[in-house]
Amino acid sequence: MAKAAVNLPKDKSEVEELEKKTEVEELKERLEILEQMLSSKASEGSDKSESDEKLTGDSYIQVLSLTPYTLSLSTLGSGRGKVFKFKKFGQIKGILYSDLVSIIESNQAFLEKGYFYILDKRVVRKHGLDELYETILNKEKLEQVFMCESNSVIELYKAANDRQRSFANQVIVGKLRADEYLDLNIVSAISRIAGVDLIAKAEEFKELFEQEQPKK
C-alpha cells in the first residue's frame, strides 16, 4: 500500500517561513474570535439596556414641578393616599412608578394643564403623553418666558396653555414688584396677549404693600 507523500520543508528558512504563516493565521483566527465575542457582548449589553429600561412598579421616575408655588400630588387625589409635596418651581422628586400611575389617574387635570412634568420618556410614551407634551412648555422654556430677555419668548408665551400663561403672569408680576430688571417692551407685548396689564398689576401690588406697612 502506497504511503501518502508528505512535503517537508527543505531547510531552516522554509521552516521559519512556515511558522510565521502559521502564527499569522492563528492571529487572524484569534482576532475573528475576539470580534465575535465583542459583537456578542455588545448585543447582550444592548439587550440588557433594553431590559433595564423596562418599567416596573419599583422604578423611580423623576417628576418636576412647573408650578411657581407649593404643589401637592396625591395617589388618590384631593390630598388622599400618598402625598408628594413640591415646594417650588423646578423642584424634582423621584416617585415610584406604581405611585406615579396613581398620580396620573388621580390628577389628570394637573397633568394636562402642566402643573408637573414627567422627565422620563418611557413613561411619556407608555401613557400616550407625547402629543400632550407638545402643547406644554417645559422648565427651560418657561424660565425664558419668566426672564423676558428676547422677543422669542413672546411666541413661547403664545404657545403656552392658559394655566401656564397664568403661572408666567404671576412670576413676571412678582419680579416687577421686586424691582428685578425685565424688558418692559416684552412685558407689554405679553400683557397684550394676556389681556392684563402686568406692569400696572405690579404697581398695584406695590402700593398695597406700602399701605399695609406700619407707619413710623
N, C-alpha and C. Protein backbone atom coordinates (compact mmCIF):
# COMPACT_ATOMS: atom_id res chain seq x y z
N MET A 1 0.84 -1.19 0.00
CA MET A 1 0.00 0.00 0.00
C MET A 1 0.87 1.23 0.00
N ALA A 2 0.63 2.12 -0.96
CA ALA A 2 1.47 3.32 -1.08
C ALA A 2 1.16 4.30 0.02
N LYS A 3 2.18 4.85 0.56
CA LYS A 3 2.02 5.86 1.62
C LYS A 3 1.82 7.23 1.00
N ALA A 4 1.00 8.05 1.66
CA ALA A 4 0.77 9.42 1.18
C ALA A 4 2.03 10.22 1.29
N ALA A 5 2.30 10.99 0.26
CA ALA A 5 3.51 11.80 0.25
C ALA A 5 3.33 12.98 1.18
N VAL A 6 4.38 13.29 1.90
CA VAL A 6 4.37 14.42 2.82
C VAL A 6 5.46 15.36 2.41
N ASN A 7 5.09 16.62 2.10
CA ASN A 7 6.09 17.61 1.70
C ASN A 7 6.68 18.28 2.92
N LEU A 8 7.89 17.97 3.22
CA LEU A 8 8.57 18.54 4.37
C LEU A 8 9.41 19.73 3.93
N PRO A 9 9.54 20.71 4.75
CA PRO A 9 10.40 21.86 4.41
C PRO A 9 11.83 21.42 4.21
N LYS A 10 12.48 22.00 3.19
CA LYS A 10 13.82 21.57 2.85
C LYS A 10 14.90 22.12 3.77
N ASP A 11 14.74 23.36 4.24
CA ASP A 11 15.79 23.92 5.08
C ASP A 11 15.18 24.78 6.19
N LYS A 12 16.04 25.37 7.00
CA LYS A 12 15.62 26.14 8.18
C LYS A 12 14.79 27.36 7.80
N SER A 13 15.14 28.04 6.70
CA SER A 13 14.42 29.25 6.30
C SER A 13 12.97 28.92 5.95
N GLU A 14 12.78 27.77 5.29
CA GLU A 14 11.42 27.38 4.94
C GLU A 14 10.61 27.06 6.21
N VAL A 15 11.29 26.44 7.18
CA VAL A 15 10.62 26.13 8.45
C VAL A 15 10.18 27.41 9.14
N GLU A 16 11.06 28.42 9.17
CA GLU A 16 10.74 29.70 9.83
C GLU A 16 9.59 30.41 9.11
N GLU A 17 9.61 30.36 7.76
CA GLU A 17 8.55 30.99 6.99
C GLU A 17 7.21 30.31 7.24
N LEU A 18 7.24 29.00 7.35
CA LEU A 18 6.02 28.24 7.62
C LEU A 18 5.47 28.57 9.00
N GLU A 19 6.38 28.71 9.97
CA GLU A 19 5.96 29.05 11.33
C GLU A 19 5.33 30.44 11.37
N LYS A 20 5.91 31.38 10.60
CA LYS A 20 5.36 32.74 10.56
C LYS A 20 3.95 32.74 9.98
N LYS A 21 3.77 31.97 8.87
CA LYS A 21 2.45 31.88 8.26
C LYS A 21 1.43 31.31 9.25
N THR A 22 1.89 30.28 9.97
CA THR A 22 1.00 29.65 10.95
C THR A 22 0.61 30.63 12.04
N GLU A 23 1.60 31.43 12.52
CA GLU A 23 1.33 32.42 13.57
C GLU A 23 0.35 33.49 13.08
N VAL A 24 0.54 33.91 11.82
CA VAL A 24 -0.35 34.92 11.24
C VAL A 24 -1.77 34.38 11.15
N GLU A 25 -1.88 33.14 10.67
CA GLU A 25 -3.21 32.53 10.56
C GLU A 25 -3.87 32.37 11.92
N GLU A 26 -3.08 31.96 12.91
CA GLU A 26 -3.61 31.82 14.26
C GLU A 26 -4.06 33.17 14.83
N LEU A 27 -3.26 34.19 14.52
CA LEU A 27 -3.60 35.53 14.99
C LEU A 27 -4.90 36.02 14.36
N LYS A 28 -5.05 35.75 13.06
CA LYS A 28 -6.29 36.12 12.38
C LYS A 28 -7.49 35.43 13.01
N GLU A 29 -7.30 34.13 13.29
CA GLU A 29 -8.39 33.37 13.91
C GLU A 29 -8.76 33.94 15.26
N ARG A 30 -7.73 34.29 16.06
CA ARG A 30 -7.97 34.87 17.38
C ARG A 30 -8.72 36.20 17.27
N LEU A 31 -8.30 37.01 16.27
CA LEU A 31 -8.95 38.31 16.08
C LEU A 31 -10.42 38.12 15.70
N GLU A 32 -10.68 37.15 14.84
CA GLU A 32 -12.06 36.88 14.44
C GLU A 32 -12.90 36.44 15.64
N ILE A 33 -12.30 35.56 16.46
CA ILE A 33 -12.99 35.09 17.65
C ILE A 33 -13.26 36.25 18.61
N LEU A 34 -12.24 37.12 18.76
CA LEU A 34 -12.37 38.28 19.65
C LEU A 34 -13.45 39.23 19.15
N GLU A 35 -13.49 39.47 17.83
CA GLU A 35 -14.52 40.34 17.25
C GLU A 35 -15.91 39.76 17.47
N GLN A 36 -16.01 38.44 17.31
CA GLN A 36 -17.30 37.79 17.54
C GLN A 36 -17.74 37.94 18.99
N MET A 37 -16.76 37.78 19.92
CA MET A 37 -17.07 37.92 21.35
C MET A 37 -17.52 39.33 21.67
N LEU A 38 -16.78 40.33 21.12
CA LEU A 38 -17.13 41.73 21.38
C LEU A 38 -18.50 42.06 20.81
N SER A 39 -18.77 41.57 19.61
CA SER A 39 -20.06 41.80 18.98
C SER A 39 -21.17 41.17 19.80
N SER A 40 -20.89 39.96 20.30
CA SER A 40 -21.88 39.26 21.13
C SER A 40 -22.15 40.01 22.42
N LYS A 41 -21.07 40.51 23.05
CA LYS A 41 -21.22 41.26 24.31
C LYS A 41 -21.96 42.56 24.08
N ALA A 42 -21.67 43.22 22.95
CA ALA A 42 -22.36 44.47 22.65
C ALA A 42 -23.84 44.22 22.48
N SER A 43 -24.15 43.10 21.80
CA SER A 43 -25.55 42.75 21.61
C SER A 43 -26.22 42.44 22.94
N GLU A 44 -25.50 41.70 23.79
CA GLU A 44 -26.03 41.38 25.12
C GLU A 44 -26.23 42.64 25.93
N GLY A 45 -25.22 43.56 25.80
CA GLY A 45 -25.32 44.82 26.54
C GLY A 45 -26.51 45.63 26.09
N SER A 46 -26.77 45.61 24.77
CA SER A 46 -27.92 46.34 24.24
C SER A 46 -29.21 45.73 24.75
N ASP A 47 -29.28 44.42 24.75
CA ASP A 47 -30.47 43.74 25.25
C ASP A 47 -30.66 44.03 26.72
N LYS A 48 -29.53 44.05 27.44
CA LYS A 48 -29.59 44.28 28.88
C LYS A 48 -30.08 45.70 29.15
N SER A 49 -29.58 46.64 28.31
CA SER A 49 -30.01 48.02 28.48
C SER A 49 -31.51 48.13 28.24
N GLU A 50 -31.98 47.45 27.18
CA GLU A 50 -33.42 47.45 26.90
C GLU A 50 -34.18 46.88 28.09
N SER A 51 -33.59 45.79 28.66
CA SER A 51 -34.26 45.15 29.80
C SER A 51 -34.27 46.08 31.00
N ASP A 52 -33.12 46.78 31.20
CA ASP A 52 -33.01 47.71 32.33
C ASP A 52 -34.03 48.84 32.20
N GLU A 53 -34.36 49.20 30.96
CA GLU A 53 -35.27 50.32 30.74
C GLU A 53 -36.73 49.93 30.91
N LYS A 54 -36.99 48.65 31.08
CA LYS A 54 -38.38 48.23 31.28
C LYS A 54 -38.92 48.83 32.56
N LEU A 55 -40.10 49.38 32.48
CA LEU A 55 -40.72 49.99 33.65
C LEU A 55 -41.30 48.92 34.57
N THR A 56 -41.01 49.05 35.84
CA THR A 56 -41.63 48.20 36.84
C THR A 56 -42.21 49.11 37.92
N GLY A 57 -43.01 48.54 38.78
CA GLY A 57 -43.59 49.34 39.86
C GLY A 57 -42.54 49.95 40.76
N ASP A 58 -41.35 49.32 40.81
CA ASP A 58 -40.26 49.80 41.68
C ASP A 58 -39.33 50.79 40.99
N SER A 59 -39.59 51.10 39.72
CA SER A 59 -38.75 52.07 39.01
C SER A 59 -38.99 53.47 39.58
N TYR A 60 -37.90 54.19 39.85
CA TYR A 60 -38.04 55.58 40.30
C TYR A 60 -38.07 56.50 39.09
N ILE A 61 -39.09 57.33 39.03
CA ILE A 61 -39.29 58.25 37.91
C ILE A 61 -39.16 59.68 38.40
N GLN A 62 -38.38 60.48 37.68
CA GLN A 62 -38.22 61.88 38.07
C GLN A 62 -39.40 62.71 37.59
N VAL A 63 -39.96 63.45 38.54
CA VAL A 63 -41.10 64.32 38.26
C VAL A 63 -40.74 65.73 38.69
N LEU A 64 -41.02 66.71 37.83
CA LEU A 64 -40.61 68.09 38.06
C LEU A 64 -41.84 68.98 38.21
N SER A 65 -41.78 69.89 39.16
CA SER A 65 -42.88 70.84 39.35
C SER A 65 -42.70 72.04 38.42
N LEU A 66 -43.77 72.38 37.71
CA LEU A 66 -43.78 73.58 36.87
C LEU A 66 -44.67 74.65 37.47
N THR A 67 -44.94 74.51 38.76
CA THR A 67 -45.82 75.44 39.47
C THR A 67 -44.99 76.40 40.31
N PRO A 68 -45.25 77.71 40.22
CA PRO A 68 -44.43 78.68 40.96
C PRO A 68 -44.78 78.80 42.44
N TYR A 69 -45.56 77.88 42.94
CA TYR A 69 -45.86 77.85 44.37
C TYR A 69 -45.97 76.38 44.79
N THR A 70 -46.33 76.11 46.04
CA THR A 70 -46.37 74.74 46.53
C THR A 70 -47.37 73.89 45.74
N LEU A 71 -46.92 72.71 45.35
CA LEU A 71 -47.76 71.77 44.61
C LEU A 71 -47.80 70.45 45.36
N SER A 72 -48.99 69.93 45.60
CA SER A 72 -49.15 68.63 46.24
C SER A 72 -49.81 67.66 45.27
N LEU A 73 -49.18 66.53 45.07
CA LEU A 73 -49.72 65.47 44.24
C LEU A 73 -49.99 64.25 45.12
N SER A 74 -51.17 63.70 45.01
CA SER A 74 -51.52 62.55 45.85
C SER A 74 -51.96 61.38 44.99
N THR A 75 -51.74 60.19 45.48
CA THR A 75 -52.05 58.98 44.70
C THR A 75 -53.55 58.75 44.55
N LEU A 76 -54.35 59.29 45.47
CA LEU A 76 -55.81 59.11 45.39
C LEU A 76 -56.54 60.41 45.07
N GLY A 77 -55.80 61.49 44.90
CA GLY A 77 -56.41 62.78 44.60
C GLY A 77 -56.97 63.47 45.83
N SER A 78 -57.10 64.77 45.76
CA SER A 78 -57.66 65.58 46.86
C SER A 78 -56.90 65.37 48.17
N GLY A 79 -55.61 65.16 48.08
CA GLY A 79 -54.79 65.03 49.29
C GLY A 79 -54.88 63.69 49.98
N ARG A 80 -55.52 62.71 49.33
CA ARG A 80 -55.67 61.38 49.94
C ARG A 80 -54.60 60.42 49.40
N GLY A 81 -54.32 59.40 50.20
CA GLY A 81 -53.28 58.44 49.83
C GLY A 81 -51.91 59.01 50.09
N LYS A 82 -50.91 58.57 49.32
CA LYS A 82 -49.56 59.11 49.46
C LYS A 82 -49.52 60.51 48.87
N VAL A 83 -48.89 61.43 49.58
CA VAL A 83 -48.82 62.82 49.12
C VAL A 83 -47.36 63.20 48.86
N PHE A 84 -47.12 63.79 47.71
CA PHE A 84 -45.79 64.26 47.34
C PHE A 84 -45.87 65.78 47.18
N LYS A 85 -45.12 66.48 48.01
CA LYS A 85 -45.21 67.94 48.04
C LYS A 85 -43.97 68.57 47.40
N PHE A 86 -44.21 69.43 46.43
CA PHE A 86 -43.15 70.21 45.78
C PHE A 86 -43.26 71.64 46.28
N LYS A 87 -42.19 72.16 46.81
CA LYS A 87 -42.25 73.48 47.44
C LYS A 87 -41.99 74.65 46.50
N LYS A 88 -41.41 74.36 45.32
CA LYS A 88 -41.08 75.48 44.43
C LYS A 88 -41.01 75.02 42.98
N PHE A 89 -41.04 75.97 42.09
CA PHE A 89 -40.90 75.73 40.66
C PHE A 89 -39.53 75.08 40.39
N GLY A 90 -39.54 74.05 39.58
CA GLY A 90 -38.28 73.41 39.19
C GLY A 90 -37.82 72.30 40.12
N GLN A 91 -38.52 72.12 41.26
CA GLN A 91 -38.11 71.05 42.18
C GLN A 91 -38.42 69.69 41.56
N ILE A 92 -37.48 68.75 41.75
CA ILE A 92 -37.63 67.41 41.20
C ILE A 92 -37.71 66.39 42.32
N LYS A 93 -38.62 65.44 42.18
CA LYS A 93 -38.73 64.35 43.13
C LYS A 93 -38.73 63.02 42.38
N GLY A 94 -38.10 62.01 42.99
CA GLY A 94 -38.16 60.66 42.45
C GLY A 94 -39.38 59.96 43.03
N ILE A 95 -40.25 59.50 42.17
CA ILE A 95 -41.50 58.86 42.61
C ILE A 95 -41.57 57.46 42.01
N LEU A 96 -41.93 56.49 42.83
CA LEU A 96 -42.08 55.13 42.33
C LEU A 96 -43.10 55.11 41.19
N TYR A 97 -42.80 54.36 40.16
CA TYR A 97 -43.70 54.31 39.01
C TYR A 97 -45.10 53.86 39.40
N SER A 98 -45.18 52.92 40.33
CA SER A 98 -46.50 52.45 40.78
C SER A 98 -47.31 53.59 41.38
N ASP A 99 -46.64 54.47 42.13
CA ASP A 99 -47.33 55.63 42.70
C ASP A 99 -47.64 56.67 41.62
N LEU A 100 -46.72 56.81 40.66
CA LEU A 100 -46.92 57.81 39.61
C LEU A 100 -48.12 57.47 38.74
N VAL A 101 -48.33 56.19 38.49
CA VAL A 101 -49.50 55.77 37.71
C VAL A 101 -50.78 56.24 38.41
N SER A 102 -50.81 56.08 39.74
CA SER A 102 -51.99 56.52 40.51
C SER A 102 -52.12 58.04 40.47
N ILE A 103 -50.98 58.73 40.53
CA ILE A 103 -50.99 60.20 40.48
C ILE A 103 -51.53 60.67 39.13
N ILE A 104 -51.10 60.03 38.05
CA ILE A 104 -51.56 60.40 36.71
C ILE A 104 -53.08 60.22 36.62
N GLU A 105 -53.57 59.11 37.15
CA GLU A 105 -55.00 58.83 37.08
C GLU A 105 -55.82 59.77 37.97
N SER A 106 -55.25 60.14 39.12
CA SER A 106 -56.00 60.95 40.09
C SER A 106 -55.81 62.45 39.91
N ASN A 107 -54.82 62.84 39.12
CA ASN A 107 -54.53 64.27 38.94
C ASN A 107 -54.47 64.61 37.45
N GLN A 108 -55.42 64.09 36.70
CA GLN A 108 -55.42 64.26 35.25
C GLN A 108 -55.43 65.73 34.84
N ALA A 109 -56.21 66.55 35.54
CA ALA A 109 -56.29 67.98 35.20
C ALA A 109 -54.94 68.66 35.43
N PHE A 110 -54.27 68.31 36.52
CA PHE A 110 -52.95 68.89 36.81
C PHE A 110 -51.96 68.51 35.72
N LEU A 111 -52.05 67.26 35.27
CA LEU A 111 -51.16 66.77 34.23
C LEU A 111 -51.38 67.53 32.93
N GLU A 112 -52.64 67.67 32.53
CA GLU A 112 -52.97 68.30 31.26
C GLU A 112 -52.67 69.79 31.24
N LYS A 113 -52.76 70.44 32.42
CA LYS A 113 -52.51 71.88 32.48
C LYS A 113 -51.03 72.22 32.70
N GLY A 114 -50.22 71.19 32.92
CA GLY A 114 -48.79 71.43 33.06
C GLY A 114 -48.36 71.85 34.44
N TYR A 115 -49.08 71.40 35.47
CA TYR A 115 -48.64 71.68 36.84
C TYR A 115 -47.35 70.93 37.15
N PHE A 116 -47.22 69.73 36.58
CA PHE A 116 -46.00 68.95 36.78
C PHE A 116 -45.61 68.31 35.46
N TYR A 117 -44.36 67.88 35.39
CA TYR A 117 -43.79 67.38 34.13
C TYR A 117 -43.02 66.11 34.42
N ILE A 118 -43.33 65.05 33.67
CA ILE A 118 -42.64 63.77 33.86
C ILE A 118 -41.38 63.76 33.00
N LEU A 119 -40.23 63.54 33.64
CA LEU A 119 -38.95 63.64 32.95
C LEU A 119 -38.45 62.30 32.44
N ASP A 120 -39.33 61.37 32.20
CA ASP A 120 -38.94 60.04 31.73
C ASP A 120 -39.70 59.73 30.45
N LYS A 121 -38.97 59.63 29.35
CA LYS A 121 -39.60 59.43 28.04
C LYS A 121 -40.36 58.11 27.97
N ARG A 122 -39.87 57.11 28.74
CA ARG A 122 -40.56 55.81 28.74
C ARG A 122 -41.99 55.96 29.24
N VAL A 123 -42.15 56.74 30.31
CA VAL A 123 -43.48 56.93 30.90
C VAL A 123 -44.35 57.77 29.96
N VAL A 124 -43.74 58.82 29.40
CA VAL A 124 -44.48 59.68 28.48
C VAL A 124 -45.01 58.86 27.31
N ARG A 125 -44.14 58.00 26.77
CA ARG A 125 -44.54 57.18 25.63
C ARG A 125 -45.58 56.13 26.04
N LYS A 126 -45.35 55.47 27.15
CA LYS A 126 -46.24 54.40 27.61
C LYS A 126 -47.66 54.90 27.87
N HIS A 127 -47.77 56.13 28.40
CA HIS A 127 -49.08 56.67 28.75
C HIS A 127 -49.65 57.58 27.66
N GLY A 128 -49.01 57.57 26.49
CA GLY A 128 -49.54 58.32 25.35
C GLY A 128 -49.56 59.82 25.57
N LEU A 129 -48.49 60.35 26.19
CA LEU A 129 -48.47 61.78 26.53
C LEU A 129 -47.67 62.62 25.55
N ASP A 130 -47.13 62.00 24.50
CA ASP A 130 -46.27 62.74 23.56
C ASP A 130 -47.00 63.94 22.95
N GLU A 131 -48.21 63.73 22.51
CA GLU A 131 -48.97 64.81 21.88
C GLU A 131 -49.30 65.91 22.89
N LEU A 132 -49.67 65.51 24.10
CA LEU A 132 -49.95 66.50 25.15
C LEU A 132 -48.71 67.33 25.45
N TYR A 133 -47.56 66.68 25.54
CA TYR A 133 -46.34 67.39 25.91
C TYR A 133 -45.84 68.34 24.84
N GLU A 134 -46.37 68.20 23.63
CA GLU A 134 -46.05 69.17 22.58
C GLU A 134 -46.75 70.50 22.84
N THR A 135 -47.78 70.50 23.68
CA THR A 135 -48.56 71.72 23.96
C THR A 135 -48.19 72.33 25.32
N ILE A 136 -47.25 71.71 26.02
CA ILE A 136 -46.86 72.20 27.35
C ILE A 136 -45.42 72.69 27.30
N LEU A 137 -45.19 73.89 27.83
CA LEU A 137 -43.83 74.41 27.90
C LEU A 137 -43.08 73.70 29.02
N ASN A 138 -41.86 73.25 28.73
CA ASN A 138 -41.05 72.61 29.76
C ASN A 138 -40.37 73.68 30.63
N LYS A 139 -39.58 73.24 31.58
CA LYS A 139 -38.97 74.15 32.55
C LYS A 139 -38.11 75.22 31.86
N GLU A 140 -37.28 74.80 30.91
CA GLU A 140 -36.36 75.73 30.26
C GLU A 140 -37.13 76.82 29.49
N LYS A 141 -38.19 76.42 28.81
CA LYS A 141 -38.97 77.40 28.03
C LYS A 141 -39.75 78.34 28.95
N LEU A 142 -40.29 77.79 30.04
CA LEU A 142 -40.99 78.66 30.99
C LEU A 142 -40.03 79.67 31.61
N GLU A 143 -38.82 79.23 31.93
CA GLU A 143 -37.83 80.14 32.51
C GLU A 143 -37.49 81.27 31.54
N GLN A 144 -37.45 80.95 30.26
CA GLN A 144 -37.21 82.00 29.26
C GLN A 144 -38.32 83.04 29.28
N VAL A 145 -39.56 82.56 29.41
CA VAL A 145 -40.70 83.49 29.47
C VAL A 145 -40.59 84.34 30.73
N PHE A 146 -40.25 83.72 31.84
CA PHE A 146 -40.14 84.46 33.11
C PHE A 146 -39.10 85.59 33.02
N MET A 147 -38.02 85.36 32.26
CA MET A 147 -36.92 86.33 32.20
C MET A 147 -37.20 87.48 31.23
N CYS A 148 -38.08 87.26 30.25
CA CYS A 148 -38.42 88.32 29.28
C CYS A 148 -37.19 88.97 28.67
N GLU A 149 -36.26 88.15 28.21
CA GLU A 149 -34.99 88.70 27.72
C GLU A 149 -34.95 88.89 26.20
N SER A 150 -35.81 88.20 25.46
CA SER A 150 -35.77 88.35 24.00
C SER A 150 -37.18 88.22 23.43
N ASN A 151 -37.34 88.69 22.20
CA ASN A 151 -38.66 88.66 21.56
C ASN A 151 -39.18 87.24 21.34
N SER A 152 -38.26 86.25 21.34
CA SER A 152 -38.68 84.86 21.11
C SER A 152 -39.62 84.36 22.21
N VAL A 153 -39.54 84.96 23.40
CA VAL A 153 -40.40 84.49 24.50
C VAL A 153 -41.87 84.85 24.25
N ILE A 154 -42.10 85.83 23.38
CA ILE A 154 -43.49 86.20 23.06
C ILE A 154 -44.18 85.03 22.37
N GLU A 155 -43.45 84.38 21.45
CA GLU A 155 -44.01 83.21 20.76
C GLU A 155 -44.18 82.05 21.73
N LEU A 156 -43.24 81.90 22.65
CA LEU A 156 -43.36 80.84 23.66
C LEU A 156 -44.60 81.07 24.51
N TYR A 157 -44.82 82.33 24.89
CA TYR A 157 -45.99 82.66 25.70
C TYR A 157 -47.27 82.34 24.93
N LYS A 158 -47.30 82.65 23.65
CA LYS A 158 -48.46 82.34 22.83
C LYS A 158 -48.73 80.84 22.79
N ALA A 159 -47.63 80.06 22.78
CA ALA A 159 -47.77 78.60 22.67
C ALA A 159 -48.19 77.93 23.98
N ALA A 160 -48.06 78.67 25.09
CA ALA A 160 -48.40 78.10 26.40
C ALA A 160 -49.91 77.95 26.56
N ASN A 161 -50.31 76.97 27.37
CA ASN A 161 -51.74 76.84 27.65
C ASN A 161 -52.16 77.91 28.67
N ASP A 162 -53.45 78.02 28.93
CA ASP A 162 -53.96 79.09 29.80
C ASP A 162 -53.36 79.05 31.19
N ARG A 163 -53.19 77.83 31.72
CA ARG A 163 -52.67 77.71 33.10
C ARG A 163 -51.21 78.15 33.16
N GLN A 164 -50.44 77.74 32.16
CA GLN A 164 -49.04 78.12 32.17
C GLN A 164 -48.87 79.62 31.92
N ARG A 165 -49.76 80.20 31.15
CA ARG A 165 -49.73 81.67 30.98
C ARG A 165 -50.00 82.34 32.32
N SER A 166 -50.95 81.79 33.06
CA SER A 166 -51.27 82.34 34.38
C SER A 166 -50.06 82.27 35.31
N PHE A 167 -49.35 81.13 35.27
CA PHE A 167 -48.13 80.99 36.08
C PHE A 167 -47.11 82.05 35.68
N ALA A 168 -46.93 82.23 34.37
CA ALA A 168 -45.97 83.21 33.86
C ALA A 168 -46.35 84.61 34.31
N ASN A 169 -47.64 84.94 34.24
CA ASN A 169 -48.10 86.26 34.68
C ASN A 169 -47.73 86.51 36.14
N GLN A 170 -47.97 85.50 36.98
CA GLN A 170 -47.68 85.64 38.41
C GLN A 170 -46.20 85.88 38.65
N VAL A 171 -45.36 85.11 37.96
CA VAL A 171 -43.91 85.25 38.15
C VAL A 171 -43.42 86.60 37.66
N ILE A 172 -43.90 87.02 36.50
CA ILE A 172 -43.47 88.31 35.93
C ILE A 172 -43.89 89.46 36.84
N VAL A 173 -45.13 89.44 37.34
CA VAL A 173 -45.59 90.47 38.26
C VAL A 173 -44.74 90.47 39.52
N GLY A 174 -44.42 89.28 40.02
CA GLY A 174 -43.58 89.18 41.21
C GLY A 174 -42.20 89.78 41.00
N LYS A 175 -41.64 89.55 39.83
CA LYS A 175 -40.32 90.12 39.52
C LYS A 175 -40.38 91.64 39.42
N LEU A 176 -41.44 92.15 38.80
CA LEU A 176 -41.60 93.60 38.69
C LEU A 176 -41.78 94.24 40.07
N ARG A 177 -42.55 93.58 40.91
CA ARG A 177 -42.75 94.07 42.29
C ARG A 177 -41.43 94.15 43.03
N ALA A 178 -40.55 93.17 42.77
CA ALA A 178 -39.26 93.12 43.46
C ALA A 178 -38.21 94.00 42.77
N ASP A 179 -38.67 94.78 41.77
CA ASP A 179 -37.78 95.68 41.02
C ASP A 179 -36.66 94.95 40.29
N GLU A 180 -36.91 93.70 39.90
CA GLU A 180 -35.94 92.99 39.07
C GLU A 180 -36.03 93.55 37.65
N TYR A 181 -34.91 93.59 36.96
CA TYR A 181 -34.92 94.14 35.61
C TYR A 181 -35.59 93.18 34.64
N LEU A 182 -36.57 93.67 33.92
CA LEU A 182 -37.21 92.94 32.82
C LEU A 182 -37.39 93.91 31.67
N ASP A 183 -37.32 93.40 30.46
CA ASP A 183 -37.54 94.24 29.29
C ASP A 183 -39.03 94.60 29.24
N LEU A 184 -39.36 95.86 29.51
CA LEU A 184 -40.76 96.28 29.61
C LEU A 184 -41.49 96.23 28.27
N ASN A 185 -40.74 96.31 27.18
CA ASN A 185 -41.37 96.16 25.86
C ASN A 185 -41.92 94.74 25.70
N ILE A 186 -41.14 93.77 26.15
CA ILE A 186 -41.58 92.37 26.06
C ILE A 186 -42.72 92.14 27.05
N VAL A 187 -42.62 92.72 28.25
CA VAL A 187 -43.69 92.58 29.24
C VAL A 187 -44.99 93.17 28.69
N SER A 188 -44.88 94.28 28.01
CA SER A 188 -46.07 94.93 27.43
C SER A 188 -46.68 94.05 26.34
N ALA A 189 -45.83 93.42 25.53
CA ALA A 189 -46.33 92.53 24.48
C ALA A 189 -47.05 91.33 25.09
N ILE A 190 -46.47 90.78 26.15
CA ILE A 190 -47.11 89.66 26.85
C ILE A 190 -48.42 90.12 27.48
N SER A 191 -48.43 91.33 28.02
CA SER A 191 -49.65 91.88 28.62
C SER A 191 -50.78 91.96 27.61
N ARG A 192 -50.46 92.36 26.38
CA ARG A 192 -51.49 92.47 25.35
C ARG A 192 -52.08 91.10 25.02
N ILE A 193 -51.23 90.08 24.97
CA ILE A 193 -51.72 88.72 24.71
C ILE A 193 -52.56 88.23 25.88
N ALA A 194 -52.09 88.54 27.10
CA ALA A 194 -52.78 88.07 28.30
C ALA A 194 -54.08 88.81 28.55
N GLY A 195 -54.16 90.03 28.02
CA GLY A 195 -55.33 90.86 28.30
C GLY A 195 -55.28 91.44 29.71
N VAL A 196 -54.08 91.50 30.27
CA VAL A 196 -53.88 92.04 31.62
C VAL A 196 -52.62 92.90 31.59
N ASP A 197 -52.70 94.10 32.13
CA ASP A 197 -51.53 94.97 32.20
C ASP A 197 -50.66 94.52 33.38
N LEU A 198 -49.64 93.74 33.08
CA LEU A 198 -48.80 93.17 34.14
C LEU A 198 -48.00 94.24 34.87
N ILE A 199 -47.61 95.28 34.15
CA ILE A 199 -46.85 96.36 34.78
C ILE A 199 -47.72 97.11 35.77
N ALA A 200 -48.96 97.43 35.36
CA ALA A 200 -49.90 98.12 36.24
C ALA A 200 -50.24 97.23 37.44
N LYS A 201 -50.38 95.93 37.19
CA LYS A 201 -50.70 94.99 38.27
C LYS A 201 -49.60 94.97 39.32
N ALA A 202 -48.35 95.01 38.87
CA ALA A 202 -47.22 95.03 39.79
C ALA A 202 -47.21 96.31 40.61
N GLU A 203 -47.55 97.44 39.97
CA GLU A 203 -47.60 98.72 40.69
C GLU A 203 -48.71 98.70 41.75
N GLU A 204 -49.83 98.09 41.41
CA GLU A 204 -50.93 97.98 42.37
C GLU A 204 -50.50 97.19 43.61
N PHE A 205 -49.83 96.09 43.38
CA PHE A 205 -49.34 95.27 44.50
C PHE A 205 -48.34 96.05 45.35
N LYS A 206 -47.49 96.83 44.70
CA LYS A 206 -46.51 97.64 45.43
C LYS A 206 -47.21 98.64 46.35
N GLU A 207 -48.23 99.30 45.80
CA GLU A 207 -48.97 100.30 46.58
C GLU A 207 -49.69 99.65 47.76
N LEU A 208 -50.30 98.51 47.53
CA LEU A 208 -50.99 97.81 48.62
C LEU A 208 -50.01 97.39 49.71
N PHE A 209 -48.84 96.92 49.27
CA PHE A 209 -47.82 96.51 50.24
C PHE A 209 -47.37 97.70 51.08
N GLU A 210 -47.16 98.85 50.44
CA GLU A 210 -46.72 100.04 51.15
C GLU A 210 -47.78 100.52 52.13
N GLN A 211 -49.04 100.40 51.73
CA GLN A 211 -50.14 100.84 52.61
C GLN A 211 -50.25 99.95 53.85
N GLU A 212 -49.91 98.67 53.67
CA GLU A 212 -50.02 97.73 54.80
C GLU A 212 -48.85 97.85 55.78
N GLN A 213 -47.78 98.52 55.35
CA GLN A 213 -46.64 98.67 56.25
C GLN A 213 -46.97 99.64 57.38
N PRO A 214 -46.60 99.31 58.64
CA PRO A 214 -46.87 100.21 59.76
C PRO A 214 -46.13 101.54 59.59
N LYS A 215 -46.84 102.64 59.88
CA LYS A 215 -46.22 103.97 59.77
C LYS A 215 -45.31 104.22 60.95
N LYS A 216 -44.17 104.83 60.66
CA LYS A 216 -43.21 105.13 61.73
C LYS A 216 -43.57 106.45 62.42
